[in-house]
Amino acid sequence: MSTRGTVKCVMLGDDGVGKTCLLTSYQEKRFPDGYIPSTYGGHSETVFIGDTLYILAVFDTSCDPQYTHLRPLLYPQKDIFLLCFSVVSSSSFASVRDVYVAEANHFCAGVPAVVVGLQIDLRESTKRRGVSEVVSRTQGEEMAWAIGASAYVECSAKTGVGVQGVFVKAVVVAAESQTRSRDSDGDRQVEGGAGVEGARKRLFRRRTGRCIVL
C-alpha cells in the first residue's frame, strides 16, 4: 500500500439539496435525522483507489447570503469541486450552471469539478405527481459536459445508493489532475530549461513551427 497525499474537496450547491446529508451519510453510513446545518469545517476521510491511500478533506458550504463572503475563503489550494443539485429541483440545477461554475472558475480557474445529482430516491415519486422540476440523468450529463466538468454522478444519501461513488470519483478526478499538472511542470522544465541550452531549444521550436505553451 502507498500513500499519495491529500485531496481537498469543496461542495457547492443551493441549501436544501442534500449536500450535508450526503456528507453525513458517507461518513457515518446513515441518513441523518432532522435538519443539519451546513458547516465550513473540513471533514477528513481515507479513500483507497486500488492499493493507494488518499486522505480526502471535504468542505461543506452554505449558499445563505450571509455566508456568501465566506465561501471564497475555502477555495485556495483546493483540488476538486463537487457541484451539487437536487434532481427534483430544476432551480438548484440551474444554480450549478448560473452561479457555482462561474464562482469556482473565478476563484480557482483550472480546478476540476464533478457535477452531483442528489436525492435520486425522490425522482420517480416526484414524476408520478406530475411535477415538472424533475431533472433526468441525461440532462445532468449534458450539463456537466456543457460546463466542462470532468464527470457526472448521482446518488441518494437516504438509501446510500451511489454515495461512496461520489467521493471515489472526486479523488480519482483530482488525482488525475494533479498527475497531469506534475507532468506538465516536468515537461516545461525538460523542454525549456535555463541558460543557453534552454534558449537554443526554444529557438529551435520556433524555427520548426512547433507550438508549445511554456
C-alpha atoms as a PDB file:
ATOM      1  CA  MET A   1       0.000   0.000   0.000  1.00  0.00           C
ATOM      2  CA  SER A   2       1.219   3.504  -0.832  1.00  0.00           C
ATOM      3  CA  THR A   3       0.000   6.917   0.291  1.00  0.00           C
ATOM      4  CA  ARG A   4      -0.329   9.715  -2.252  1.00  0.00           C
ATOM      5  CA  GLY A   5      -1.309  12.640  -0.018  1.00  0.00           C
ATOM      6  CA  THR A   6      -4.401  14.751   0.483  1.00  0.00           C
ATOM      7  CA  VAL A   7      -7.225  15.657  -1.877  1.00  0.00           C
ATOM      8  CA  LYS A   8      -9.092  18.784  -0.790  1.00  0.00           C
ATOM      9  CA  CYS A   9     -12.693  18.972  -1.956  1.00  0.00           C
ATOM     10  CA  VAL A  10     -15.318  21.744  -1.739  1.00  0.00           C
ATOM     11  CA  MET A  11     -19.047  21.015  -2.019  1.00  0.00           C
ATOM     12  CA  LEU A  12     -21.082  23.769  -3.691  1.00  0.00           C
ATOM     13  CA  GLY A  13     -24.823  23.969  -4.253  1.00  0.00           C
ATOM     14  CA  ASP A  14     -28.047  25.532  -3.056  1.00  0.00           C
ATOM     15  CA  ASP A  15     -29.155  24.976   0.513  1.00  0.00           C
ATOM     16  CA  GLY A  16     -31.603  22.110   0.908  1.00  0.00           C
ATOM     17  CA  VAL A  17     -30.337  19.966  -1.971  1.00  0.00           C
ATOM     18  CA  GLY A  18     -28.766  17.427   0.394  1.00  0.00           C
ATOM     19  CA  LYS A  19     -25.058  18.296   0.498  1.00  0.00           C
ATOM     20  CA  THR A  20     -24.727  17.918   4.262  1.00  0.00           C
ATOM     21  CA  CYS A  21     -26.881  14.772   4.259  1.00  0.00           C
ATOM     22  CA  LEU A  22     -24.599  13.320   1.584  1.00  0.00           C
ATOM     23  CA  LEU A  23     -21.524  14.042   3.673  1.00  0.00           C
ATOM     24  CA  THR A  24     -23.136  12.629   6.831  1.00  0.00           C
ATOM     25  CA  SER A  25     -24.306   9.511   5.009  1.00  0.00           C
ATOM     26  CA  TYR A  26     -20.799   8.967   3.657  1.00  0.00           C
ATOM     27  CA  GLN A  27     -19.041   9.491   6.980  1.00  0.00           C
ATOM     28  CA  GLU A  28     -21.490   7.824   9.355  1.00  0.00           C
ATOM     29  CA  LYS A  29     -23.121   5.289   6.994  1.00  0.00           C
ATOM     30  CA  ARG A  30     -26.574   6.500   7.990  1.00  0.00           C
ATOM     31  CA  PHE A  31     -29.110   9.093   6.912  1.00  0.00           C
ATOM     32  CA  PRO A  32     -29.265  11.948   9.447  1.00  0.00           C
ATOM     33  CA  ASP A  33     -32.402  12.591  11.467  1.00  0.00           C
ATOM     34  CA  GLY A  34     -33.739  16.124  11.226  1.00  0.00           C
ATOM     35  CA  TYR A  35     -32.111  19.220   9.786  1.00  0.00           C
ATOM     36  CA  ILE A  36     -28.338  19.523   9.924  1.00  0.00           C
ATOM     37  CA  PRO A  37     -26.899  22.963   9.128  1.00  0.00           C
ATOM     38  CA  SER A  38     -24.013  23.291   6.706  1.00  0.00           C
ATOM     39  CA  THR A  39     -20.620  23.645   8.330  1.00  0.00           C
ATOM     40  CA  TYR A  40     -17.476  25.227   6.959  1.00  0.00           C
ATOM     41  CA  GLY A  41     -15.026  22.972   8.750  1.00  0.00           C
ATOM     42  CA  GLY A  42     -13.145  20.246   6.928  1.00  0.00           C
ATOM     43  CA  HIS A  43     -14.139  16.593   7.278  1.00  0.00           C
ATOM     44  CA  SER A  44     -11.391  14.063   6.555  1.00  0.00           C
ATOM     45  CA  GLU A  45     -11.824  10.506   5.314  1.00  0.00           C
ATOM     46  CA  THR A  46      -9.482   7.877   3.899  1.00  0.00           C
ATOM     47  CA  VAL A  47     -10.161   6.639   0.381  1.00  0.00           C
ATOM     48  CA  PHE A  48      -8.488   3.677  -1.317  1.00  0.00           C
ATOM     49  CA  ILE A  49      -8.032   3.736  -5.074  1.00  0.00           C
ATOM     50  CA  GLY A  50      -6.621   0.303  -5.831  1.00  0.00           C
ATOM     51  CA  ASP A  51      -3.827  -0.130  -3.302  1.00  0.00           C
ATOM     52  CA  THR A  52      -3.210   3.607  -2.954  1.00  0.00           C
ATOM     53  CA  LEU A  53      -4.456   5.505   0.093  1.00  0.00           C
ATOM     54  CA  TYR A  54      -5.634   9.106  -0.187  1.00  0.00           C
ATOM     55  CA  ILE A  55      -6.753  11.456   2.562  1.00  0.00           C
ATOM     56  CA  LEU A  56      -9.913  13.203   1.378  1.00  0.00           C
ATOM     57  CA  ALA A  57     -10.692  16.501   3.125  1.00  0.00           C
ATOM     58  CA  VAL A  58     -14.253  17.648   2.345  1.00  0.00           C
ATOM     59  CA  PHE A  59     -15.501  21.184   2.975  1.00  0.00           C
ATOM     60  CA  ASP A  60     -19.261  21.757   3.095  1.00  0.00           C
ATOM     61  CA  THR A  61     -20.713  25.193   2.263  1.00  0.00           C
ATOM     62  CA  SER A  62     -23.921  27.200   2.522  1.00  0.00           C
ATOM     63  CA  CYS A  63     -25.483  29.447  -0.118  1.00  0.00           C
ATOM     64  CA  ASP A  64     -27.135  31.621   2.525  1.00  0.00           C
ATOM     65  CA  PRO A  65     -26.459  35.274   1.553  1.00  0.00           C
ATOM     66  CA  GLN A  66     -24.898  35.973   4.939  1.00  0.00           C
ATOM     67  CA  TYR A  67     -22.184  33.407   4.144  1.00  0.00           C
ATOM     68  CA  THR A  68     -21.508  34.434   0.541  1.00  0.00           C
ATOM     69  CA  HIS A  69     -18.322  36.233   1.545  1.00  0.00           C
ATOM     70  CA  LEU A  70     -17.064  33.145   3.392  1.00  0.00           C
ATOM     71  CA  ARG A  71     -17.218  30.632   0.551  1.00  0.00           C
ATOM     72  CA  PRO A  72     -14.264  32.046  -1.422  1.00  0.00           C
ATOM     73  CA  LEU A  73     -12.102  31.747   1.686  1.00  0.00           C
ATOM     74  CA  LEU A  74     -12.291  27.971   1.257  1.00  0.00           C
ATOM     75  CA  TYR A  75     -11.202  27.913  -2.371  1.00  0.00           C
ATOM     76  CA  PRO A  76      -7.399  28.422  -2.322  1.00  0.00           C
ATOM     77  CA  GLN A  77      -5.351  25.213  -2.606  1.00  0.00           C
ATOM     78  CA  LYS A  78      -8.401  23.045  -3.297  1.00  0.00           C
ATOM     79  CA  ASP A  79      -8.180  20.133  -5.715  1.00  0.00           C
ATOM     80  CA  ILE A  80     -11.775  19.397  -6.731  1.00  0.00           C
ATOM     81  CA  PHE A  81     -15.272  20.901  -6.624  1.00  0.00           C
ATOM     82  CA  LEU A  82     -18.464  18.898  -6.192  1.00  0.00           C
ATOM     83  CA  LEU A  83     -21.216  20.953  -7.865  1.00  0.00           C
ATOM     84  CA  CYS A  84     -24.393  19.647  -6.241  1.00  0.00           C
ATOM     85  CA  PHE A  85     -28.082  19.920  -7.101  1.00  0.00           C
ATOM     86  CA  SER A  86     -31.276  18.022  -6.343  1.00  0.00           C
ATOM     87  CA  VAL A  87     -32.724  16.023  -9.231  1.00  0.00           C
ATOM     88  CA  VAL A  88     -36.191  17.148  -8.093  1.00  0.00           C
ATOM     89  CA  SER A  89     -35.317  20.857  -8.154  1.00  0.00           C
ATOM     90  CA  SER A  90     -34.739  22.482 -11.528  1.00  0.00           C
ATOM     91  CA  SER A  91     -33.838  25.754  -9.795  1.00  0.00           C
ATOM     92  CA  SER A  92     -30.917  24.117  -7.962  1.00  0.00           C
ATOM     93  CA  PHE A  93     -29.885  22.542 -11.274  1.00  0.00           C
ATOM     94  CA  ALA A  94     -29.840  26.000 -12.875  1.00  0.00           C
ATOM     95  CA  SER A  95     -27.807  27.376  -9.959  1.00  0.00           C
ATOM     96  CA  VAL A  96     -24.964  24.987 -10.747  1.00  0.00           C
ATOM     97  CA  ARG A  97     -24.776  26.396 -14.263  1.00  0.00           C
ATOM     98  CA  ASP A  98     -25.509  30.055 -13.468  1.00  0.00           C
ATOM     99  CA  VAL A  99     -23.868  30.584 -10.061  1.00  0.00           C
ATOM    100  CA  TYR A 100     -21.414  27.983  -8.839  1.00  0.00           C
ATOM    101  CA  VAL A 101     -19.491  27.245 -12.037  1.00  0.00           C
ATOM    102  CA  ALA A 102     -18.729  30.930 -12.525  1.00  0.00           C
ATOM    103  CA  GLU A 103     -17.761  31.318  -8.876  1.00  0.00           C
ATOM    104  CA  ALA A 104     -15.438  28.317  -8.922  1.00  0.00           C
ATOM    105  CA  ASN A 105     -13.828  29.390 -12.193  1.00  0.00           C
ATOM    106  CA  HIS A 106     -13.346  32.940 -10.937  1.00  0.00           C
ATOM    107  CA  PHE A 107     -11.581  31.982  -7.729  1.00  0.00           C
ATOM    108  CA  CYS A 108      -9.985  28.665  -8.774  1.00  0.00           C
ATOM    109  CA  ALA A 109      -9.550  28.576 -12.538  1.00  0.00           C
ATOM    110  CA  GLY A 110      -8.373  25.194 -13.746  1.00  0.00           C
ATOM    111  CA  VAL A 111      -9.537  23.196 -10.726  1.00  0.00           C
ATOM    112  CA  PRO A 112     -11.649  20.240 -11.949  1.00  0.00           C
ATOM    113  CA  ALA A 113     -15.271  19.691 -10.978  1.00  0.00           C
ATOM    114  CA  VAL A 114     -17.726  16.817 -10.734  1.00  0.00           C
ATOM    115  CA  VAL A 115     -21.456  17.515 -11.050  1.00  0.00           C
ATOM    116  CA  VAL A 116     -23.513  15.578  -8.492  1.00  0.00           C
ATOM    117  CA  GLY A 117     -27.242  14.880  -8.774  1.00  0.00           C
ATOM    118  CA  LEU A 118     -28.686  14.321  -5.286  1.00  0.00           C
ATOM    119  CA  GLN A 119     -31.953  12.907  -3.902  1.00  0.00           C
ATOM    120  CA  ILE A 120     -32.450  10.393  -6.704  1.00  0.00           C
ATOM    121  CA  ASP A 121     -34.720   8.394  -4.383  1.00  0.00           C
ATOM    122  CA  LEU A 122     -37.327  11.141  -4.910  1.00  0.00           C
ATOM    123  CA  ARG A 123     -37.169  11.226  -8.712  1.00  0.00           C
ATOM    124  CA  GLU A 124     -39.773   8.595  -9.580  1.00  0.00           C
ATOM    125  CA  SER A 125     -42.317   9.593  -6.929  1.00  0.00           C
ATOM    126  CA  THR A 126     -41.990  13.230  -7.981  1.00  0.00           C
ATOM    127  CA  LYS A 127     -42.508  12.261 -11.621  1.00  0.00           C
ATOM    128  CA  ARG A 128     -45.695  10.390 -10.731  1.00  0.00           C
ATOM    129  CA  ARG A 129     -47.077  13.530  -9.121  1.00  0.00           C
ATOM    130  CA  GLY A 130     -46.606  15.316 -12.415  1.00  0.00           C
ATOM    131  CA  VAL A 131     -44.070  17.804 -11.084  1.00  0.00           C
ATOM    132  CA  SER A 132     -42.134  19.361 -13.952  1.00  0.00           C
ATOM    133  CA  GLU A 133     -38.999  20.155 -11.936  1.00  0.00           C
ATOM    134  CA  VAL A 134     -37.515  16.659 -12.221  1.00  0.00           C
ATOM    135  CA  VAL A 135     -34.045  16.588 -13.803  1.00  0.00           C
ATOM    136  CA  SER A 136     -33.166  13.448 -15.767  1.00  0.00           C
ATOM    137  CA  ARG A 137     -29.800  11.738 -15.748  1.00  0.00           C
ATOM    138  CA  THR A 138     -29.353  12.692 -19.390  1.00  0.00           C
ATOM    139  CA  GLN A 139     -29.911  16.360 -18.554  1.00  0.00           C
ATOM    140  CA  GLY A 140     -27.334  16.124 -15.792  1.00  0.00           C
ATOM    141  CA  GLU A 141     -24.781  14.516 -18.083  1.00  0.00           C
ATOM    142  CA  GLU A 142     -25.397  17.089 -20.806  1.00  0.00           C
ATOM    143  CA  MET A 143     -24.989  19.978 -18.407  1.00  0.00           C
ATOM    144  CA  ALA A 144     -21.783  18.520 -16.973  1.00  0.00           C
ATOM    145  CA  TRP A 145     -20.383  18.256 -20.497  1.00  0.00           C
ATOM    146  CA  ALA A 146     -21.513  21.796 -21.384  1.00  0.00           C
ATOM    147  CA  ILE A 147     -19.789  23.423 -18.401  1.00  0.00           C
ATOM    148  CA  GLY A 148     -16.593  21.407 -18.820  1.00  0.00           C
ATOM    149  CA  ALA A 149     -16.976  19.256 -15.701  1.00  0.00           C
ATOM    150  CA  SER A 150     -14.904  16.081 -15.510  1.00  0.00           C
ATOM    151  CA  ALA A 151     -17.821  13.784 -14.679  1.00  0.00           C
ATOM    152  CA  TYR A 152     -21.469  13.480 -13.687  1.00  0.00           C
ATOM    153  CA  VAL A 153     -22.610  11.177 -10.876  1.00  0.00           C
ATOM    154  CA  GLU A 154     -25.859  10.629  -8.987  1.00  0.00           C
ATOM    155  CA  CYS A 155     -26.676   9.352  -5.524  1.00  0.00           C
ATOM    156  CA  SER A 156     -29.188   9.121  -2.710  1.00  0.00           C
ATOM    157  CA  ALA A 157     -27.998   9.955   0.781  1.00  0.00           C
ATOM    158  CA  LYS A 158     -31.177   8.350   2.136  1.00  0.00           C
ATOM    159  CA  THR A 159     -30.775   4.922   0.540  1.00  0.00           C
ATOM    160  CA  GLY A 160     -26.992   5.038   0.273  1.00  0.00           C
ATOM    161  CA  VAL A 161     -27.037   4.319  -3.461  1.00  0.00           C
ATOM    162  CA  GLY A 162     -24.040   5.917  -5.147  1.00  0.00           C
ATOM    163  CA  VAL A 163     -22.813   7.755  -2.042  1.00  0.00           C
ATOM    164  CA  GLN A 164     -19.352   6.213  -1.868  1.00  0.00           C
ATOM    165  CA  GLY A 165     -19.003   6.525  -5.620  1.00  0.00           C
ATOM    166  CA  VAL A 166     -19.325  10.313  -5.416  1.00  0.00           C
ATOM    167  CA  PHE A 167     -16.240  10.662  -3.258  1.00  0.00           C
ATOM    168  CA  VAL A 168     -14.253   7.972  -5.049  1.00  0.00           C
ATOM    169  CA  LYS A 169     -14.902   9.832  -8.302  1.00  0.00           C
ATOM    170  CA  ALA A 170     -13.798  13.092  -6.664  1.00  0.00           C
ATOM    171  CA  VAL A 171     -10.492  11.542  -5.598  1.00  0.00           C
ATOM    172  CA  VAL A 172      -9.886   9.893  -8.984  1.00  0.00           C
ATOM    173  CA  VAL A 173     -10.540  13.119 -10.911  1.00  0.00           C
ATOM    174  CA  ALA A 174      -8.425  15.216  -8.533  1.00  0.00           C
ATOM    175  CA  ALA A 175      -5.559  12.711  -8.547  1.00  0.00           C
ATOM    176  CA  GLU A 176      -5.540  12.571 -12.345  1.00  0.00           C
ATOM    177  CA  SER A 177      -5.491  16.374 -12.483  1.00  0.00           C
ATOM    178  CA  GLN A 178      -2.601  16.509 -10.013  1.00  0.00           C
ATOM    179  CA  THR A 179      -0.657  13.983 -12.086  1.00  0.00           C
ATOM    180  CA  ARG A 180      -1.221  15.961 -15.293  1.00  0.00           C
ATOM    181  CA  SER A 181      -0.104  19.132 -13.534  1.00  0.00           C
ATOM    182  CA  ARG A 182       3.105  17.487 -12.311  1.00  0.00           C
ATOM    183  CA  ASP A 183       3.800  16.022 -15.744  1.00  0.00           C
ATOM    184  CA  SER A 184       3.188  19.387 -17.371  1.00  0.00           C
ATOM    185  CA  ASP A 185       5.568  21.114 -14.976  1.00  0.00           C
ATOM    186  CA  GLY A 186       8.201  18.480 -15.692  1.00  0.00           C
ATOM    187  CA  ASP A 187       7.748  18.827 -19.450  1.00  0.00           C
ATOM    188  CA  ARG A 188       8.200  22.586 -19.253  1.00  0.00           C
ATOM    189  CA  GLN A 189      11.420  22.156 -17.299  1.00  0.00           C
ATOM    190  CA  VAL A 190      12.798  19.479 -19.632  1.00  0.00           C
ATOM    191  CA  GLU A 191      11.710  21.117 -22.884  1.00  0.00           C
ATOM    192  CA  GLY A 192      12.863  24.563 -21.918  1.00  0.00           C
ATOM    193  CA  GLY A 193      15.345  24.845 -19.140  1.00  0.00           C
ATOM    194  CA  ALA A 194      17.524  27.754 -18.171  1.00  0.00           C
ATOM    195  CA  GLY A 195      20.614  29.277 -19.737  1.00  0.00           C
ATOM    196  CA  VAL A 196      21.966  28.998 -23.268  1.00  0.00           C
ATOM    197  CA  GLU A 197      20.801  25.414 -23.839  1.00  0.00           C
ATOM    198  CA  GLY A 198      17.248  26.279 -22.892  1.00  0.00           C
ATOM    199  CA  ALA A 199      17.305  29.295 -25.203  1.00  0.00           C
ATOM    200  CA  ARG A 200      18.648  27.155 -28.055  1.00  0.00           C
ATOM    201  CA  LYS A 201      15.820  24.625 -27.629  1.00  0.00           C
ATOM    202  CA  ARG A 202      13.179  27.343 -27.586  1.00  0.00           C
ATOM    203  CA  LEU A 203      14.684  28.933 -30.722  1.00  0.00           C
ATOM    204  CA  PHE A 204      14.654  25.548 -32.466  1.00  0.00           C
ATOM    205  CA  ARG A 205      10.959  25.081 -31.633  1.00  0.00           C
ATOM    206  CA  ARG A 206      10.103  28.491 -33.067  1.00  0.00           C
ATOM    207  CA  ARG A 207      12.007  27.748 -36.282  1.00  0.00           C
ATOM    208  CA  THR A 208      10.332  24.393 -36.775  1.00  0.00           C
ATOM    209  CA  GLY A 209       6.894  25.850 -36.164  1.00  0.00           C
ATOM    210  CA  ARG A 210       6.151  23.649 -33.179  1.00  0.00           C
ATOM    211  CA  CYS A 211       3.737  25.380 -30.855  1.00  0.00           C
ATOM    212  CA  ILE A 212       4.381  24.734 -27.174  1.00  0.00           C
ATOM    213  CA  VAL A 213       2.945  26.650 -24.248  1.00  0.00           C
ATOM    214  CA  LEU A 214       5.755  27.443 -21.836  1.00  0.00           C
END
